[in-house]
Amino acid sequence: MSKPAIEAAAHRRRALALSPATADHWSEHGHALAKGEEFDRAAVSFERARRLAPGQPLPAYNAATVLLLLGRLAEAIPLLRAAVASREEWPEAQYQLGVTLLGQGDLPAARNPLRKAITLRPNWPETHFGYARAWFGSNQPDHYARSQTSFARACALKPDWSEAWFNLGGTLSMSSSGAEVVRALRLAAALAPARLDARYMLAQELTNLGMVREAVVQYERIATVDRTHANVLNELAWSRRAVRNMQRRDRLARYPRKNAMFQDLPEAIRKFVIPDYAEVRKFLRPDSRVFAMGSCFAENITRGLKRLGVHAEHVGYPEDINSTYANRYLLEWVQDRVRTPSTQGFEEVFGESGRLGIREQLERADIVILSLGVAPSFFDRKSGAFVSTLGQNINVALLVREFEFRTTTVAENVDNIRAIVDRLRRLNPSNHVVLTVSPVPLKVTFEFESAITADCVSKSTLRVAAHEVMKLGLPRIHYWPSFEMVRWTAAGHVGPVFGTDDGSPLHVSQELVDTVVSLFLEAVGEPDAFTRREANQAPAPVRG
């Protein structure tokens, strides 16, 4: 405490001792103590001033500001409410009340005072920033839009504010084009070169746009400053590998030249189907949580993982109605409870408790396996919108009279898979996503004369779509070739793989599913981390 401040406080104490203690006297004494950083004593003086003038806003505001300096937010809020109640047209008090409520995590209550502060002080960037924060984080699309507008206004009013640009980039990433997100994050990083969070988010967005080389530069800058920064070394390794793959040319891979090469099926798969997994960093640990979704083959994968000691869960539905559209709208409903004709079936089948359960599992999942089932779907004949048939107790043949049944395009499926991955990353930004094409055949078609031909078109569409997604070089995205192992390798060169357990041409043999799952653990699991469970756990029938 400086000497002038000490003398000023002493003078105020003498004045209080020699004259009647009025609210003004106590306020002046409080200000003197606050200037000397005696905040505890200043709080006492301001509280005395407030009690002597209970209807005046300034003593209450002064008392609140000192309490805030002391970190006593809960005590400051009633005083700020009293101040704005006495003087509603006070922008500083409205703003302070709003940001204090934000600090307490009460976003809905913070919005009204911050909105009033904007009305009273429209060119004050801090008010727009605070108002944006009050809408951000509620997981509702219209709320994100409000946040974007207000963060953008704060950036316009204060163009050199890195924090505003960083938050704008975060909200834009929820709904806008990647170019806008990159622009905002580049500005955030340029204005504050030392802030690693902006560089990390920028690197991720650059990767999503396929700008992997620039992403590597950002990751390297982060690693130079802090090699322990969350996931940065892992992301850097993945990005460098993606760049190397982009640079590789003239690779030669031959199709097996003798039938004898397929006699040892697991070894044939290692050599001819998944040789690239020798370079993959192991990402499945003993404590990893796996969640499988999509086609009914997801259930087969989950069952196999559980028998090998992996913590795995799944949500699935029949193969004939599983599509990337169905999975995309399922996640929209699970994450934001979006209610449209496209999500109505999920509401009916799973209910609110089921929705929350799926969401919790996805938020906790370290690895999400997305099994791509079929390309055809039902669509509204007038609007062209996807129609969810899940949960409708109606003969499927009757649906084709009301809706159009068509095979979706590669482009549609690429768009859906990217949207699915984005949703999964919003639920858990650090998860690994494994794409796989279900080998289970398409059950029925209304589009072709032959269901076998329709199945070939359907699986080919999904496989090409998965390939196009993998070419984007997105971080922590993998393709596991279940389809190639079952239909191309085992069924094509080894012998029957469907119906060997129960005679159904739609059911993959349990032995082959176990092989697919075991090779998956071998390829991505930490060495010697998993052991088979007790042999008395008999395998359940593998369904399609």
Protein backbone atom coordinates (compact mmCIF):
# COMPACT_ATOMS: atom_id res chain seq x y z
CA MET A 1 0.00 0.00 0.00
CA SER A 2 1.48 3.34 -1.06
CA LYS A 3 2.12 6.12 1.39
CA PRO A 4 -0.48 8.50 -0.17
CA ALA A 5 -3.10 5.74 0.01
CA ILE A 6 -2.26 5.08 3.67
CA GLU A 7 -2.55 8.78 4.48
CA ALA A 8 -5.87 9.06 2.57
CA ALA A 9 -7.36 6.12 4.44
CA ALA A 10 -6.17 7.54 7.77
CA HIS A 11 -7.71 10.90 6.90
CA ARG A 12 -11.05 9.24 6.14
CA ARG A 13 -10.98 7.35 9.43
CA ARG A 14 -10.36 10.60 11.35
CA ALA A 15 -13.20 12.29 9.46
CA LEU A 16 -15.56 9.45 10.30
CA ALA A 17 -14.56 9.68 13.97
CA LEU A 18 -15.17 13.47 14.14
CA SER A 19 -18.44 13.70 12.16
CA PRO A 20 -21.68 11.77 11.80
CA ALA A 21 -21.20 8.63 9.67
CA THR A 22 -23.17 9.21 6.48
CA ALA A 23 -23.41 6.99 3.40
CA ASP A 24 -21.17 9.38 1.50
CA HIS A 25 -18.54 9.26 4.22
CA TRP A 26 -18.49 5.46 4.26
CA SER A 27 -18.37 5.37 0.45
CA GLU A 28 -15.40 7.74 0.35
CA HIS A 29 -13.70 5.64 3.00
CA GLY A 30 -14.37 2.49 0.96
CA HIS A 31 -12.88 4.03 -2.18
CA ALA A 32 -9.77 5.05 -0.28
CA LEU A 33 -9.35 1.53 1.09
CA ALA A 34 -9.94 -0.01 -2.33
CA LYS A 35 -7.26 2.21 -3.88
CA GLY A 36 -4.93 0.88 -1.23
CA GLU A 37 -6.01 -2.69 -2.12
CA GLU A 38 -7.53 -3.25 1.33
CA PHE A 39 -10.50 -4.94 -0.30
CA ASP A 40 -11.82 -6.74 2.79
CA ARG A 41 -12.06 -3.49 4.76
CA ALA A 42 -13.39 -1.66 1.70
CA ALA A 43 -16.20 -4.21 1.46
CA VAL A 44 -17.18 -3.48 5.07
CA SER A 45 -17.25 0.29 4.43
CA PHE A 46 -19.31 -0.04 1.24
CA GLU A 47 -21.75 -2.34 3.03
CA ARG A 48 -22.21 0.28 5.76
CA ALA A 49 -22.83 2.94 3.10
CA ARG A 50 -25.40 0.68 1.44
CA ARG A 51 -27.27 0.15 4.70
CA LEU A 52 -27.41 3.89 5.34
CA ALA A 53 -28.77 4.51 1.81
CA PRO A 54 -30.73 1.33 0.96
CA GLY A 55 -32.56 2.86 -2.01
CA GLN A 56 -29.51 4.22 -3.79
CA PRO A 57 -27.88 2.10 -6.52
CA LEU A 58 -24.29 3.34 -6.22
CA PRO A 59 -23.47 2.00 -2.73
CA ALA A 60 -24.84 -1.42 -3.70
CA TYR A 61 -22.80 -1.39 -6.91
CA ASN A 62 -19.63 -0.32 -5.08
CA ALA A 63 -20.09 -3.09 -2.51
CA ALA A 64 -20.62 -5.63 -5.30
CA THR A 65 -17.51 -4.63 -7.26
CA VAL A 66 -15.28 -5.11 -4.22
CA LEU A 67 -16.86 -8.49 -3.49
CA LEU A 68 -16.11 -9.49 -7.07
CA LEU A 69 -12.47 -8.55 -6.58
CA LEU A 70 -12.49 -10.86 -3.57
CA GLY A 71 -14.02 -13.67 -5.66
CA ARG A 72 -17.29 -13.64 -3.69
CA LEU A 73 -19.59 -13.82 -6.73
CA ALA A 74 -22.62 -15.29 -4.97
CA GLU A 75 -22.66 -12.37 -2.48
CA ALA A 76 -22.20 -9.79 -5.24
CA ILE A 77 -25.15 -10.91 -7.38
CA PRO A 78 -27.97 -9.72 -5.01
CA LEU A 79 -26.23 -6.34 -4.70
CA LEU A 80 -25.95 -5.99 -8.49
CA ARG A 81 -29.61 -6.94 -8.85
CA ALA A 82 -30.50 -4.26 -6.33
CA ALA A 83 -28.40 -1.69 -8.21
CA VAL A 84 -30.08 -2.36 -11.59
CA ALA A 85 -33.51 -2.48 -9.93
CA SER A 86 -32.93 1.04 -8.62
CA ARG A 87 -31.35 2.33 -11.82
CA GLU A 88 -32.27 0.19 -14.79
CA GLU A 89 -30.63 2.47 -17.38
CA TRP A 90 -27.13 1.84 -16.02
CA PRO A 91 -25.10 -0.08 -18.64
CA GLU A 92 -22.09 -0.83 -16.43
CA ALA A 93 -24.27 -2.36 -13.72
CA GLN A 94 -26.31 -4.38 -16.23
CA TYR A 95 -23.12 -5.65 -17.86
CA GLN A 96 -21.50 -6.49 -14.53
CA LEU A 97 -24.58 -8.39 -13.42
CA GLY A 98 -24.64 -10.33 -16.68
CA VAL A 99 -20.99 -11.40 -16.65
CA THR A 100 -21.18 -12.28 -12.95
CA LEU A 101 -24.12 -14.59 -13.66
CA LEU A 102 -22.05 -16.07 -16.49
CA GLY A 103 -19.28 -16.69 -14.00
CA GLN A 104 -21.76 -18.63 -11.89
CA GLY A 105 -22.79 -20.69 -14.93
CA ASP A 106 -26.33 -19.28 -15.06
CA LEU A 107 -26.49 -18.58 -18.80
CA PRO A 108 -30.28 -18.00 -19.11
CA ALA A 109 -30.29 -15.44 -16.27
CA ALA A 110 -27.28 -13.61 -17.75
CA ARG A 111 -28.94 -12.92 -21.10
CA ASN A 112 -31.45 -10.25 -20.05
CA PRO A 113 -29.02 -7.86 -18.28
CA LEU A 114 -26.49 -8.28 -21.09
CA ARG A 115 -29.16 -7.56 -23.70
CA LYS A 116 -30.09 -4.38 -21.79
CA ALA A 117 -26.42 -3.40 -21.61
CA ILE A 118 -26.18 -3.74 -25.41
CA THR A 119 -29.24 -1.54 -25.84
CA LEU A 120 -27.71 1.10 -23.57
CA ARG A 121 -24.14 0.77 -24.89
CA PRO A 122 -24.35 -0.70 -28.44
CA ASN A 123 -20.74 0.13 -29.36
CA TRP A 124 -19.19 -1.54 -26.35
CA PRO A 125 -17.58 -4.82 -27.64
CA GLU A 126 -17.50 -6.41 -24.20
CA THR A 127 -21.29 -6.40 -23.96
CA HIS A 128 -21.65 -8.23 -27.27
CA PHE A 129 -18.96 -10.71 -26.23
CA GLY A 130 -20.69 -11.42 -22.93
CA TYR A 131 -24.07 -11.78 -24.63
CA ALA A 132 -22.56 -14.25 -27.10
CA ARG A 133 -21.17 -16.34 -24.26
CA ALA A 134 -24.61 -16.42 -22.66
CA TRP A 135 -25.96 -18.28 -25.69
CA PHE A 136 -22.96 -20.48 -26.41
CA GLY A 137 -22.77 -24.02 -25.08
CA SER A 138 -26.48 -24.85 -24.92
CA ASN A 139 -26.26 -27.32 -27.86
CA GLN A 140 -29.17 -25.74 -29.71
CA PRO A 141 -28.68 -24.58 -33.31
CA ASP A 142 -30.57 -21.29 -32.88
CA HIS A 143 -28.48 -20.49 -29.81
CA TYR A 144 -25.27 -21.01 -31.77
CA ALA A 145 -26.61 -18.58 -34.38
CA ARG A 146 -27.14 -15.93 -31.69
CA SER A 147 -23.62 -16.49 -30.41
CA GLN A 148 -22.15 -16.15 -33.90
CA THR A 149 -23.92 -12.83 -34.48
CA SER A 150 -22.76 -11.33 -31.20
CA PHE A 151 -19.18 -12.63 -31.40
CA ALA A 152 -18.99 -11.23 -34.94
CA ARG A 153 -20.21 -7.85 -33.67
CA ALA A 154 -17.56 -7.87 -30.91
CA CYS A 155 -14.89 -8.60 -33.53
CA ALA A 156 -16.14 -5.76 -35.74
CA LEU A 157 -16.03 -3.30 -32.84
CA LYS A 158 -12.65 -4.51 -31.58
CA PRO A 159 -10.75 -6.07 -34.52
CA ASP A 160 -7.57 -6.68 -32.51
CA TRP A 161 -9.32 -8.83 -29.86
CA SER A 162 -7.94 -12.36 -30.17
CA GLU A 163 -10.37 -13.88 -27.68
CA ALA A 164 -13.37 -12.63 -29.69
CA TRP A 165 -12.00 -14.08 -32.95
CA PHE A 166 -11.24 -17.39 -31.22
CA ASN A 167 -14.77 -17.70 -29.87
CA LEU A 168 -16.24 -16.66 -33.21
CA GLY A 169 -14.26 -19.45 -34.86
CA GLY A 170 -15.58 -21.93 -32.32
CA THR A 171 -19.22 -21.04 -32.95
CA LEU A 172 -18.77 -20.88 -36.72
CA SER A 173 -17.36 -24.41 -36.68
CA MET A 174 -20.77 -25.64 -35.56
CA SER A 175 -22.56 -24.61 -38.72
CA SER A 176 -20.60 -22.50 -41.19
CA SER A 177 -18.17 -23.19 -43.99
CA GLY A 178 -14.61 -24.08 -43.12
CA ALA A 179 -13.21 -21.00 -44.83
CA GLU A 180 -14.98 -18.69 -42.37
CA VAL A 181 -13.77 -20.75 -39.42
CA VAL A 182 -10.17 -20.74 -40.66
CA ARG A 183 -10.23 -16.96 -41.21
CA ALA A 184 -11.43 -16.31 -37.64
CA LEU A 185 -8.93 -18.73 -36.07
CA ARG A 186 -6.04 -17.43 -38.15
CA LEU A 187 -6.77 -13.93 -36.85
CA ALA A 188 -7.04 -15.23 -33.27
CA ALA A 189 -3.64 -16.92 -33.56
CA ALA A 190 -2.00 -13.98 -35.33
CA LEU A 191 -3.23 -11.47 -32.75
CA ALA A 192 -2.03 -13.64 -29.86
CA PRO A 193 0.83 -15.86 -31.11
CA ALA A 194 1.31 -17.44 -27.70
CA ARG A 195 -2.23 -18.82 -27.38
CA LEU A 196 -1.99 -22.49 -28.28
CA ASP A 197 -5.72 -23.21 -28.14
CA ALA A 198 -6.32 -21.05 -31.22
CA ARG A 199 -3.52 -22.77 -33.13
CA TYR A 200 -4.79 -26.21 -32.11
CA MET A 201 -8.35 -25.51 -33.25
CA LEU A 202 -7.00 -23.93 -36.44
CA ALA A 203 -4.92 -27.03 -37.17
CA GLN A 204 -7.95 -29.28 -36.71
CA GLU A 205 -10.08 -27.16 -39.03
CA LEU A 206 -7.33 -27.05 -41.66
CA THR A 207 -7.16 -30.83 -41.51
CA ASN A 208 -10.93 -31.09 -41.95
CA LEU A 209 -10.59 -28.99 -45.10
CA GLY A 210 -7.82 -31.21 -46.43
CA MET A 211 -5.17 -28.50 -45.89
CA VAL A 212 -2.96 -30.98 -44.09
CA ARG A 213 0.42 -29.40 -44.83
CA GLU A 214 -0.58 -26.12 -43.21
CA ALA A 215 -2.06 -28.08 -40.29
CA VAL A 216 1.34 -29.72 -39.77
CA VAL A 217 2.94 -26.28 -39.50
CA GLN A 218 0.45 -25.28 -36.78
CA TYR A 219 0.93 -28.52 -34.84
CA GLU A 220 4.71 -28.12 -35.04
CA ARG A 221 4.48 -24.59 -33.61
CA ILE A 222 2.40 -25.89 -30.71
CA ALA A 223 4.83 -28.77 -30.09
CA THR A 224 7.75 -26.32 -30.05
CA VAL A 225 6.16 -24.43 -27.16
CA ASP A 226 4.44 -27.25 -25.28
CA ARG A 227 4.97 -30.90 -26.20
CA THR A 228 2.49 -31.93 -23.50
CA HIS A 229 -0.39 -29.95 -25.06
CA ALA A 230 -3.51 -32.13 -25.35
CA ASN A 231 -3.11 -34.69 -28.16
CA VAL A 232 -0.78 -32.45 -30.17
CA LEU A 233 1.94 -35.05 -30.72
CA ASN A 234 -0.61 -37.63 -31.80
CA GLU A 235 -2.29 -35.15 -34.17
CA LEU A 236 1.11 -34.11 -35.54
CA ALA A 237 2.03 -37.73 -36.24
CA TRP A 238 -1.26 -38.35 -38.04
CA SER A 239 -0.93 -35.19 -40.10
CA ARG A 240 2.65 -35.97 -41.12
CA ARG A 241 1.58 -39.46 -42.14
CA ALA A 242 -1.24 -38.00 -44.22
CA VAL A 243 1.24 -35.71 -45.98
CA ARG A 244 3.55 -38.65 -46.67
CA ASN A 245 0.66 -40.62 -48.12
CA MET A 246 -0.22 -37.67 -50.35
CA GLN A 247 3.36 -37.64 -51.62
CA ARG A 248 3.70 -41.37 -52.24
CA ARG A 249 3.60 -42.44 -55.89
CA ASP A 250 3.96 -45.62 -57.94
CA ARG A 251 3.09 -48.03 -55.15
CA LEU A 252 2.70 -51.61 -56.36
CA ALA A 253 0.27 -53.98 -54.67
CA ARG A 254 -0.51 -57.26 -56.43
CA TYR A 255 -3.63 -59.39 -56.12
CA PRO A 256 -2.73 -62.83 -54.69
CA ARG A 257 -1.53 -65.03 -57.54
CA LYS A 258 -2.25 -68.50 -56.09
CA ASN A 259 -5.24 -69.97 -54.29
CA ALA A 260 -2.86 -71.44 -51.75
CA MET A 261 -2.16 -67.93 -50.50
CA PHE A 262 -5.66 -67.89 -48.96
CA GLN A 263 -5.34 -71.14 -47.00
CA ASP A 264 -4.31 -69.30 -43.83
CA LEU A 265 -7.13 -66.72 -43.85
CA PRO A 266 -5.89 -64.44 -41.01
CA GLU A 267 -2.42 -64.31 -42.56
CA ALA A 268 -3.89 -63.63 -46.01
CA ILE A 269 -5.91 -60.74 -44.58
CA ARG A 270 -2.83 -59.32 -42.84
CA LYS A 271 -0.79 -59.51 -46.02
CA PHE A 272 -3.30 -58.60 -48.73
CA VAL A 273 -6.12 -56.63 -47.05
CA ILE A 274 -4.65 -54.62 -44.16
CA PRO A 275 -0.90 -54.17 -44.80
CA ASP A 276 -1.26 -50.41 -44.26
CA TYR A 277 -2.28 -51.00 -40.64
CA ALA A 278 1.34 -51.84 -39.86
CA GLU A 279 1.90 -48.05 -39.78
CA VAL A 280 -1.13 -47.20 -37.64
CA ARG A 281 -0.49 -45.94 -34.15
CA LYS A 282 -2.22 -48.19 -31.61
CA PHE A 283 -5.26 -46.37 -30.27
CA LEU A 284 -7.25 -49.09 -28.45
CA ARG A 285 -6.18 -49.51 -24.83
CA PRO A 286 -7.43 -51.86 -22.09
CA ASP A 287 -9.52 -49.04 -20.61
CA SER A 288 -10.91 -47.81 -23.95
CA ARG A 289 -14.66 -47.55 -24.39
CA VAL A 290 -15.97 -48.61 -27.79
CA PHE A 291 -19.39 -47.72 -29.16
CA ALA A 292 -20.63 -49.32 -32.39
CA MET A 293 -23.53 -47.96 -34.38
CA GLY A 294 -25.12 -48.28 -37.78
CA SER A 295 -26.06 -51.59 -39.32
CA CYS A 296 -26.84 -54.79 -37.47
CA PHE A 297 -23.23 -55.82 -38.13
CA ALA A 298 -22.36 -53.28 -35.41
CA GLU A 299 -23.96 -55.67 -32.93
CA ASN A 300 -21.80 -58.51 -34.24
CA ILE A 301 -18.67 -56.39 -33.78
CA THR A 302 -19.71 -55.39 -30.26
CA ARG A 303 -20.36 -58.98 -29.26
CA GLY A 304 -16.97 -60.06 -30.56
CA LEU A 305 -15.17 -57.24 -28.76
CA LYS A 306 -16.87 -58.07 -25.48
CA ARG A 307 -15.76 -61.69 -25.71
CA LEU A 308 -12.19 -60.43 -26.02
CA GLY A 309 -12.50 -58.29 -22.90
CA VAL A 310 -13.16 -54.89 -24.50
CA HIS A 311 -15.71 -52.52 -22.97
CA ALA A 312 -18.10 -52.20 -25.92
CA GLU A 313 -21.71 -51.10 -26.44
CA HIS A 314 -23.83 -50.61 -29.54
CA VAL A 315 -27.03 -49.19 -30.92
CA GLY A 316 -28.35 -50.64 -34.14
CA TYR A 317 -31.42 -51.30 -36.19
CA PRO A 318 -32.35 -53.60 -39.07
CA GLU A 319 -30.01 -53.73 -42.06
CA ASP A 320 -32.74 -53.02 -44.58
CA ILE A 321 -33.45 -49.53 -43.19
CA ASN A 322 -29.96 -48.59 -41.99
CA SER A 323 -28.33 -45.91 -44.13
CA THR A 324 -26.07 -42.91 -43.67
CA TYR A 325 -29.20 -40.75 -43.73
CA ALA A 326 -30.67 -42.77 -40.85
CA ASN A 327 -27.45 -42.49 -38.86
CA ARG A 328 -27.11 -38.77 -39.56
CA TYR A 329 -30.61 -37.98 -38.36
CA LEU A 330 -30.25 -40.33 -35.40
CA LEU A 331 -27.29 -38.27 -34.20
CA GLU A 332 -29.15 -34.99 -34.79
CA TRP A 333 -31.93 -36.30 -32.56
CA VAL A 334 -29.54 -37.72 -29.96
CA GLN A 335 -27.42 -34.57 -29.70
CA ASP A 336 -29.93 -31.72 -30.05
CA ARG A 337 -33.28 -33.54 -29.90
CA VAL A 338 -34.11 -32.20 -33.34
CA ARG A 339 -37.73 -33.13 -34.08
CA THR A 340 -38.61 -33.51 -37.73
CA PRO A 341 -40.39 -36.16 -39.80
CA SER A 342 -36.90 -37.61 -40.40
CA THR A 343 -36.31 -38.18 -36.66
CA GLN A 344 -39.82 -39.13 -35.58
CA GLY A 345 -39.10 -42.85 -35.70
CA PHE A 346 -36.22 -42.53 -33.24
CA GLU A 347 -38.44 -40.72 -30.76
CA GLU A 348 -40.97 -43.54 -30.95
CA VAL A 349 -38.48 -46.40 -30.63
CA PHE A 350 -35.87 -45.11 -28.17
CA GLY A 351 -37.75 -42.49 -26.15
CA GLU A 352 -36.10 -39.74 -24.11
CA SER A 353 -34.30 -42.09 -21.72
CA GLY A 354 -32.88 -43.99 -24.69
CA ARG A 355 -31.74 -40.75 -26.32
CA LEU A 356 -29.92 -39.62 -23.19
CA GLY A 357 -28.36 -43.07 -22.77
CA ILE A 358 -27.01 -43.08 -26.33
CA ARG A 359 -25.69 -39.54 -25.92
CA GLU A 360 -23.88 -40.41 -22.69
CA GLN A 361 -22.28 -43.46 -24.30
CA LEU A 362 -21.10 -41.41 -27.28
CA GLU A 363 -19.69 -38.70 -25.03
CA ARG A 364 -17.67 -41.32 -23.13
CA ALA A 365 -16.63 -43.41 -26.12
CA ASP A 366 -12.94 -43.34 -27.03
CA ILE A 367 -13.67 -45.20 -30.27
CA VAL A 368 -16.85 -45.11 -32.36
CA ILE A 369 -17.32 -47.78 -35.02
CA LEU A 370 -19.73 -46.71 -37.77
CA SER A 371 -20.94 -49.71 -39.74
CA LEU A 372 -22.30 -48.58 -43.11
CA GLY A 373 -25.21 -50.82 -44.01
CA VAL A 374 -27.19 -49.96 -47.15
CA ALA A 375 -27.33 -47.17 -49.72
CA PRO A 376 -31.08 -47.24 -50.57
CA SER A 377 -33.56 -45.28 -48.44
CA PHE A 378 -37.14 -44.05 -48.55
CA PHE A 379 -37.78 -40.42 -49.52
CA ASP A 380 -40.84 -38.22 -49.65
CA ARG A 381 -42.08 -38.07 -53.23
CA LYS A 382 -42.97 -34.35 -53.01
CA SER A 383 -40.26 -32.80 -50.88
CA GLY A 384 -37.48 -35.29 -51.55
CA ALA A 385 -36.73 -35.43 -47.81
CA PHE A 386 -35.45 -38.61 -46.18
CA VAL A 387 -38.19 -40.62 -44.48
CA SER A 388 -37.42 -42.62 -41.35
CA THR A 389 -39.36 -45.90 -41.33
CA LEU A 390 -37.90 -47.01 -38.02
CA GLY A 391 -40.58 -48.03 -35.57
CA GLN A 392 -43.43 -48.16 -38.10
CA ASN A 393 -45.38 -51.38 -37.80
CA ILE A 394 -46.27 -51.55 -41.45
CA ASN A 395 -45.49 -53.97 -44.22
CA VAL A 396 -42.47 -52.58 -46.06
CA ALA A 397 -44.17 -53.29 -49.39
CA LEU A 398 -46.83 -50.74 -48.52
CA LEU A 399 -44.24 -48.01 -47.91
CA VAL A 400 -43.13 -47.96 -51.53
CA ARG A 401 -46.63 -46.88 -52.54
CA GLU A 402 -46.35 -43.78 -50.41
CA PHE A 403 -42.63 -43.01 -50.60
CA GLU A 404 -39.90 -43.20 -53.21
CA PHE A 405 -37.32 -45.95 -52.70
CA ARG A 406 -33.98 -45.13 -54.32
CA THR A 407 -30.27 -45.81 -54.01
CA THR A 408 -28.47 -42.74 -52.72
CA THR A 409 -25.45 -41.34 -54.50
CA VAL A 410 -21.82 -41.44 -53.47
CA ALA A 411 -21.90 -37.66 -52.95
CA GLU A 412 -24.92 -37.90 -50.64
CA ASN A 413 -23.21 -40.56 -48.55
CA VAL A 414 -19.95 -38.63 -48.36
CA ASP A 415 -21.87 -35.58 -47.13
CA ASN A 416 -23.76 -37.69 -44.58
CA ILE A 417 -20.61 -39.40 -43.28
CA ARG A 418 -18.86 -36.05 -42.84
CA ALA A 419 -21.91 -34.73 -40.95
CA ILE A 420 -21.92 -37.87 -38.78
CA VAL A 421 -18.22 -37.46 -37.96
CA ASP A 422 -18.80 -33.79 -37.13
CA ARG A 423 -21.61 -34.73 -34.74
CA LEU A 424 -19.50 -37.43 -33.10
CA ARG A 425 -16.63 -34.96 -32.64
CA ARG A 426 -18.95 -32.40 -31.07
CA LEU A 427 -19.96 -35.04 -28.52
CA ASN A 428 -16.34 -36.11 -27.92
CA PRO A 429 -13.64 -34.08 -29.74
CA SER A 430 -10.86 -36.60 -29.05
CA ASN A 431 -12.48 -39.84 -30.19
CA HIS A 432 -11.35 -42.14 -32.98
CA VAL A 433 -13.95 -42.97 -35.64
CA VAL A 434 -13.72 -46.28 -37.50
CA LEU A 435 -15.68 -46.62 -40.74
CA THR A 436 -16.54 -50.09 -41.98
CA VAL A 437 -18.92 -51.41 -44.64
CA SER A 438 -21.21 -54.15 -43.40
CA PRO A 439 -20.87 -57.39 -45.39
CA VAL A 440 -24.48 -58.35 -44.61
CA PRO A 441 -26.48 -58.39 -47.89
CA LEU A 442 -29.34 -56.07 -48.77
CA LYS A 443 -32.58 -57.89 -47.97
CA VAL A 444 -34.99 -56.32 -50.44
CA THR A 445 -35.20 -53.81 -53.27
CA PHE A 446 -38.03 -52.05 -55.11
CA GLU A 447 -35.62 -50.47 -57.56
CA PHE A 448 -34.00 -53.43 -59.33
CA GLU A 449 -35.30 -56.71 -60.70
CA SER A 450 -32.51 -58.48 -58.79
CA ALA A 451 -31.77 -57.98 -55.09
CA ILE A 452 -28.27 -59.36 -55.68
CA THR A 453 -27.57 -56.66 -58.27
CA ALA A 454 -29.08 -54.05 -55.95
CA ASP A 455 -26.84 -55.28 -53.14
CA CYS A 456 -23.76 -54.92 -55.36
CA VAL A 457 -24.69 -51.33 -56.24
CA SER A 458 -25.51 -50.55 -52.60
CA LYS A 459 -22.25 -51.87 -51.14
CA SER A 460 -20.18 -50.36 -53.96
CA THR A 461 -21.73 -46.95 -53.31
CA LEU A 462 -20.94 -47.10 -49.61
CA ARG A 463 -17.42 -48.39 -50.16
CA VAL A 464 -16.60 -45.59 -52.60
CA ALA A 465 -18.14 -43.04 -50.23
CA ALA A 466 -15.96 -44.32 -47.39
CA HIS A 467 -12.94 -44.10 -49.69
CA GLU A 468 -13.73 -40.48 -50.59
CA VAL A 469 -14.04 -39.59 -46.91
CA MET A 470 -10.69 -41.24 -46.13
CA LYS A 471 -9.04 -39.25 -48.91
CA LEU A 472 -9.89 -36.06 -47.01
CA GLY A 473 -7.23 -36.91 -44.43
CA LEU A 474 -9.44 -36.11 -41.43
CA PRO A 475 -7.73 -36.74 -38.08
CA ARG A 476 -8.35 -40.00 -36.21
CA ILE A 477 -10.56 -41.44 -38.96
CA HIS A 478 -9.90 -45.05 -39.96
CA TYR A 479 -11.37 -47.50 -42.42
CA TRP A 480 -11.61 -51.13 -41.33
CA PRO A 481 -12.26 -53.43 -44.34
CA SER A 482 -14.84 -55.84 -42.87
CA PHE A 483 -16.59 -56.04 -46.24
CA GLU A 484 -13.39 -56.93 -48.09
CA MET A 485 -12.49 -59.56 -45.50
CA VAL A 486 -15.86 -61.30 -45.62
CA ARG A 487 -17.15 -60.86 -49.17
CA TRP A 488 -13.96 -60.43 -51.20
CA THR A 489 -11.46 -62.59 -49.36
CA ALA A 490 -13.22 -65.30 -47.35
CA ALA A 491 -16.34 -65.77 -49.46
CA GLY A 492 -14.45 -65.34 -52.71
CA HIS A 493 -11.52 -67.67 -52.08
CA VAL A 494 -12.00 -69.77 -48.94
CA GLY A 495 -15.55 -71.11 -48.92
CA PRO A 496 -19.06 -70.47 -47.62
CA VAL A 497 -19.22 -67.80 -44.92
CA PHE A 498 -22.97 -67.09 -44.81
CA GLY A 499 -25.40 -69.44 -43.10
CA THR A 500 -22.81 -71.90 -41.82
CA ASP A 501 -24.28 -71.54 -38.32
CA ASP A 502 -28.02 -71.47 -39.11
CA GLY A 503 -28.51 -71.91 -42.86
CA SER A 504 -29.39 -68.23 -43.50
CA PRO A 505 -27.65 -66.57 -46.47
CA LEU A 506 -27.94 -63.26 -44.60
CA HIS A 507 -25.96 -64.30 -41.51
CA VAL A 508 -22.15 -64.15 -41.38
CA SER A 509 -20.53 -67.10 -39.62
CA GLN A 510 -19.53 -66.53 -36.05
CA GLU A 511 -16.04 -67.85 -36.72
CA LEU A 512 -15.43 -65.27 -39.42
CA VAL A 513 -16.79 -62.42 -37.29
CA ASP A 514 -14.39 -63.49 -34.53
CA THR A 515 -11.55 -63.40 -37.06
CA VAL A 516 -12.51 -59.89 -38.23
CA VAL A 517 -12.69 -58.61 -34.64
CA SER A 518 -9.49 -60.35 -33.50
CA LEU A 519 -7.55 -58.86 -36.40
CA PHE A 520 -8.99 -55.44 -35.52
CA LEU A 521 -7.65 -55.71 -31.97
CA GLU A 522 -4.34 -56.95 -33.29
CA ALA A 523 -4.07 -54.01 -35.69
CA VAL A 524 -5.12 -51.14 -33.40
CA GLY A 525 -4.84 -52.51 -29.85
CA GLU A 526 -1.86 -52.16 -27.57
CA PRO A 527 0.18 -55.42 -27.55
CA ASP A 528 -0.88 -58.11 -25.05
CA ALA A 529 -3.57 -55.83 -23.65
CA PHE A 530 -6.55 -58.13 -24.25
CA THR A 531 -7.30 -61.69 -23.28
CA ARG A 532 -10.19 -63.91 -24.25
CA ARG A 533 -12.87 -64.25 -21.60
CA GLU A 534 -14.03 -67.49 -20.05
CA ALA A 535 -14.74 -70.19 -22.62
CA ASN A 536 -18.15 -70.87 -21.11
CA GLN A 537 -19.46 -67.66 -22.72
CA ALA A 538 -20.91 -69.35 -25.77
CA PRO A 539 -21.16 -67.13 -28.86
CA ALA A 540 -24.63 -65.97 -29.79
CA PRO A 541 -25.91 -66.48 -33.35
CA VAL A 542 -24.63 -63.86 -35.77
CA ARG A 543 -27.55 -61.99 -37.28
CA GLY A 544 -27.79 -59.77 -40.31
